[in-house]
Amino acid sequence: MRTLTLALVLGLLAFAAHALEINSANEAELDSVRGLGPAATARILEARAKGDFKDWADLMQRVKGIKPRTAAKLSEAGLTVNQQAFTAPEPGAKAP
């Protein structure tokens, strides 16, 4: 039981260390996220200059090319919006 608890704690710490907050990340940090290239990073930084992203829906609405499928991949790569991972919309829900 002790080993399992230690493994769980280490796993959570590894995820926290890997997470990258979109509202505070610089250009190089964003470029390092698998799935983001220079063009997408530029669009993110341009949109963020007008105000921080409130949530994933806000990000997807303001940045061309980021839809739920892309958001899920970016989240899996460690990107967060206000420290939150992406949560897929309910089946049948209208995408932003």
C-alpha atoms as a PDB file:
ATOM      1  CA  MET A   1       0.000   0.000   0.000  1.00  0.00           C
ATOM      2  CA  ARG A   2       2.829   2.369   0.837  1.00  0.00           C
ATOM      3  CA  THR A   3       4.476   1.764  -2.550  1.00  0.00           C
ATOM      4  CA  LEU A   4       1.186   2.404  -4.344  1.00  0.00           C
ATOM      5  CA  THR A   5       0.692   5.684  -2.497  1.00  0.00           C
ATOM      6  CA  LEU A   6       4.230   6.782  -3.315  1.00  0.00           C
ATOM      7  CA  ALA A   7       3.735   5.913  -6.994  1.00  0.00           C
ATOM      8  CA  LEU A   8       0.490   7.908  -7.082  1.00  0.00           C
ATOM      9  CA  VAL A   9       2.105  10.958  -5.486  1.00  0.00           C
ATOM     10  CA  LEU A  10       5.068  10.816  -7.866  1.00  0.00           C
ATOM     11  CA  GLY A  11       2.720  10.503 -10.833  1.00  0.00           C
ATOM     12  CA  LEU A  12       0.752  13.565  -9.766  1.00  0.00           C
ATOM     13  CA  LEU A  13       3.951  15.541  -9.254  1.00  0.00           C
ATOM     14  CA  ALA A  14       5.196  14.544 -12.703  1.00  0.00           C
ATOM     15  CA  PHE A  15       1.957  15.766 -14.280  1.00  0.00           C
ATOM     16  CA  ALA A  16       2.101  19.042 -12.357  1.00  0.00           C
ATOM     17  CA  ALA A  17       5.679  19.586 -13.456  1.00  0.00           C
ATOM     18  CA  HIS A  18       4.687  18.820 -17.053  1.00  0.00           C
ATOM     19  CA  ALA A  19       1.629  21.131 -17.094  1.00  0.00           C
ATOM     20  CA  LEU A  20       1.976  24.421 -18.939  1.00  0.00           C
ATOM     21  CA  GLU A  21      -0.471  27.264 -18.303  1.00  0.00           C
ATOM     22  CA  ILE A  22      -1.448  28.953 -21.563  1.00  0.00           C
ATOM     23  CA  ASN A  23      -2.068  32.322 -19.886  1.00  0.00           C
ATOM     24  CA  SER A  24       1.512  32.615 -18.615  1.00  0.00           C
ATOM     25  CA  ALA A  25       3.560  30.584 -21.106  1.00  0.00           C
ATOM     26  CA  ASN A  26       6.012  32.404 -23.331  1.00  0.00           C
ATOM     27  CA  GLU A  27       6.515  31.801 -27.057  1.00  0.00           C
ATOM     28  CA  ALA A  28       9.254  29.196 -26.633  1.00  0.00           C
ATOM     29  CA  GLU A  29       7.231  27.276 -24.035  1.00  0.00           C
ATOM     30  CA  LEU A  30       4.159  27.220 -26.273  1.00  0.00           C
ATOM     31  CA  ASP A  31       6.248  26.109 -29.253  1.00  0.00           C
ATOM     32  CA  SER A  32       7.499  23.195 -27.160  1.00  0.00           C
ATOM     33  CA  VAL A  33       3.971  21.777 -26.755  1.00  0.00           C
ATOM     34  CA  ARG A  34       3.412  18.849 -29.093  1.00  0.00           C
ATOM     35  CA  GLY A  35       0.773  19.966 -31.579  1.00  0.00           C
ATOM     36  CA  LEU A  36       1.622  23.666 -31.520  1.00  0.00           C
ATOM     37  CA  GLY A  37       3.824  25.233 -34.133  1.00  0.00           C
ATOM     38  CA  PRO A  38       4.947  28.807 -34.721  1.00  0.00           C
ATOM     39  CA  ALA A  39       1.734  29.825 -36.525  1.00  0.00           C
ATOM     40  CA  ALA A  40      -0.580  28.485 -33.800  1.00  0.00           C
ATOM     41  CA  THR A  41       1.633  29.972 -31.102  1.00  0.00           C
ATOM     42  CA  ALA A  42       1.450  33.371 -32.816  1.00  0.00           C
ATOM     43  CA  ARG A  43      -2.372  33.175 -32.955  1.00  0.00           C
ATOM     44  CA  ILE A  44      -2.514  32.237 -29.263  1.00  0.00           C
ATOM     45  CA  LEU A  45      -0.225  35.074 -28.219  1.00  0.00           C
ATOM     46  CA  GLU A  46      -2.143  37.573 -30.373  1.00  0.00           C
ATOM     47  CA  ALA A  47      -5.470  36.553 -28.833  1.00  0.00           C
ATOM     48  CA  ARG A  48      -4.002  36.473 -25.320  1.00  0.00           C
ATOM     49  CA  ALA A  49      -2.706  40.054 -25.747  1.00  0.00           C
ATOM     50  CA  LYS A  50      -6.378  41.106 -25.717  1.00  0.00           C
ATOM     51  CA  GLY A  51      -6.974  39.315 -22.405  1.00  0.00           C
ATOM     52  CA  ASP A  52      -6.331  36.013 -20.665  1.00  0.00           C
ATOM     53  CA  PHE A  53      -8.311  32.972 -21.723  1.00  0.00           C
ATOM     54  CA  LYS A  54     -11.125  32.218 -19.262  1.00  0.00           C
ATOM     55  CA  ASP A  55     -11.465  28.542 -20.140  1.00  0.00           C
ATOM     56  CA  TRP A  56     -11.027  26.084 -22.983  1.00  0.00           C
ATOM     57  CA  ALA A  57     -14.242  27.249 -24.662  1.00  0.00           C
ATOM     58  CA  ASP A  58     -12.921  30.823 -24.685  1.00  0.00           C
ATOM     59  CA  LEU A  59      -9.609  29.630 -26.170  1.00  0.00           C
ATOM     60  CA  MET A  60     -11.380  27.648 -28.905  1.00  0.00           C
ATOM     61  CA  GLN A  61     -13.623  30.582 -29.751  1.00  0.00           C
ATOM     62  CA  ARG A  62     -10.789  33.126 -29.974  1.00  0.00           C
ATOM     63  CA  VAL A  63      -8.007  31.094 -31.625  1.00  0.00           C
ATOM     64  CA  LYS A  64      -8.586  29.838 -35.164  1.00  0.00           C
ATOM     65  CA  GLY A  65      -7.758  26.167 -35.626  1.00  0.00           C
ATOM     66  CA  ILE A  66      -8.305  25.015 -32.053  1.00  0.00           C
ATOM     67  CA  LYS A  67     -11.367  22.797 -31.922  1.00  0.00           C
ATOM     68  CA  PRO A  68     -12.309  20.125 -29.349  1.00  0.00           C
ATOM     69  CA  ARG A  69     -10.146  17.425 -30.943  1.00  0.00           C
ATOM     70  CA  THR A  70      -7.086  19.697 -31.004  1.00  0.00           C
ATOM     71  CA  ALA A  71      -7.828  20.960 -27.497  1.00  0.00           C
ATOM     72  CA  ALA A  72      -7.902  17.381 -26.214  1.00  0.00           C
ATOM     73  CA  LYS A  73      -4.511  16.656 -27.789  1.00  0.00           C
ATOM     74  CA  LEU A  74      -2.989  19.857 -26.413  1.00  0.00           C
ATOM     75  CA  SER A  75      -4.349  19.062 -22.973  1.00  0.00           C
ATOM     76  CA  GLU A  76      -2.876  15.558 -23.141  1.00  0.00           C
ATOM     77  CA  ALA A  77       0.443  17.205 -24.030  1.00  0.00           C
ATOM     78  CA  GLY A  78       0.229  19.183 -20.780  1.00  0.00           C
ATOM     79  CA  LEU A  79      -1.405  22.485 -21.768  1.00  0.00           C
ATOM     80  CA  THR A  80      -3.878  23.970 -19.284  1.00  0.00           C
ATOM     81  CA  VAL A  81      -6.230  26.955 -19.308  1.00  0.00           C
ATOM     82  CA  ASN A  82      -6.585  28.493 -15.837  1.00  0.00           C
ATOM     83  CA  GLN A  83      -4.931  25.352 -14.465  1.00  0.00           C
ATOM     84  CA  GLN A  84      -7.670  23.154 -15.962  1.00  0.00           C
ATOM     85  CA  ALA A  85      -7.233  20.278 -18.380  1.00  0.00           C
ATOM     86  CA  PHE A  86      -9.613  20.068 -21.330  1.00  0.00           C
ATOM     87  CA  THR A  87     -12.871  18.229 -20.742  1.00  0.00           C
ATOM     88  CA  ALA A  88     -14.657  17.059 -23.866  1.00  0.00           C
ATOM     89  CA  PRO A  89     -18.178  18.389 -24.321  1.00  0.00           C
ATOM     90  CA  GLU A  90     -21.074  16.069 -23.645  1.00  0.00           C
ATOM     91  CA  PRO A  91     -22.231  14.039 -26.666  1.00  0.00           C
ATOM     92  CA  GLY A  92     -24.764  16.070 -28.618  1.00  0.00           C
ATOM     93  CA  ALA A  93     -23.589  19.366 -27.111  1.00  0.00           C
ATOM     94  CA  LYS A  94     -22.877  22.132 -29.588  1.00  0.00           C
ATOM     95  CA  ALA A  95     -19.169  22.973 -29.885  1.00  0.00           C
ATOM     96  CA  PRO A  96     -18.183  26.628 -29.370  1.00  0.00           C
END
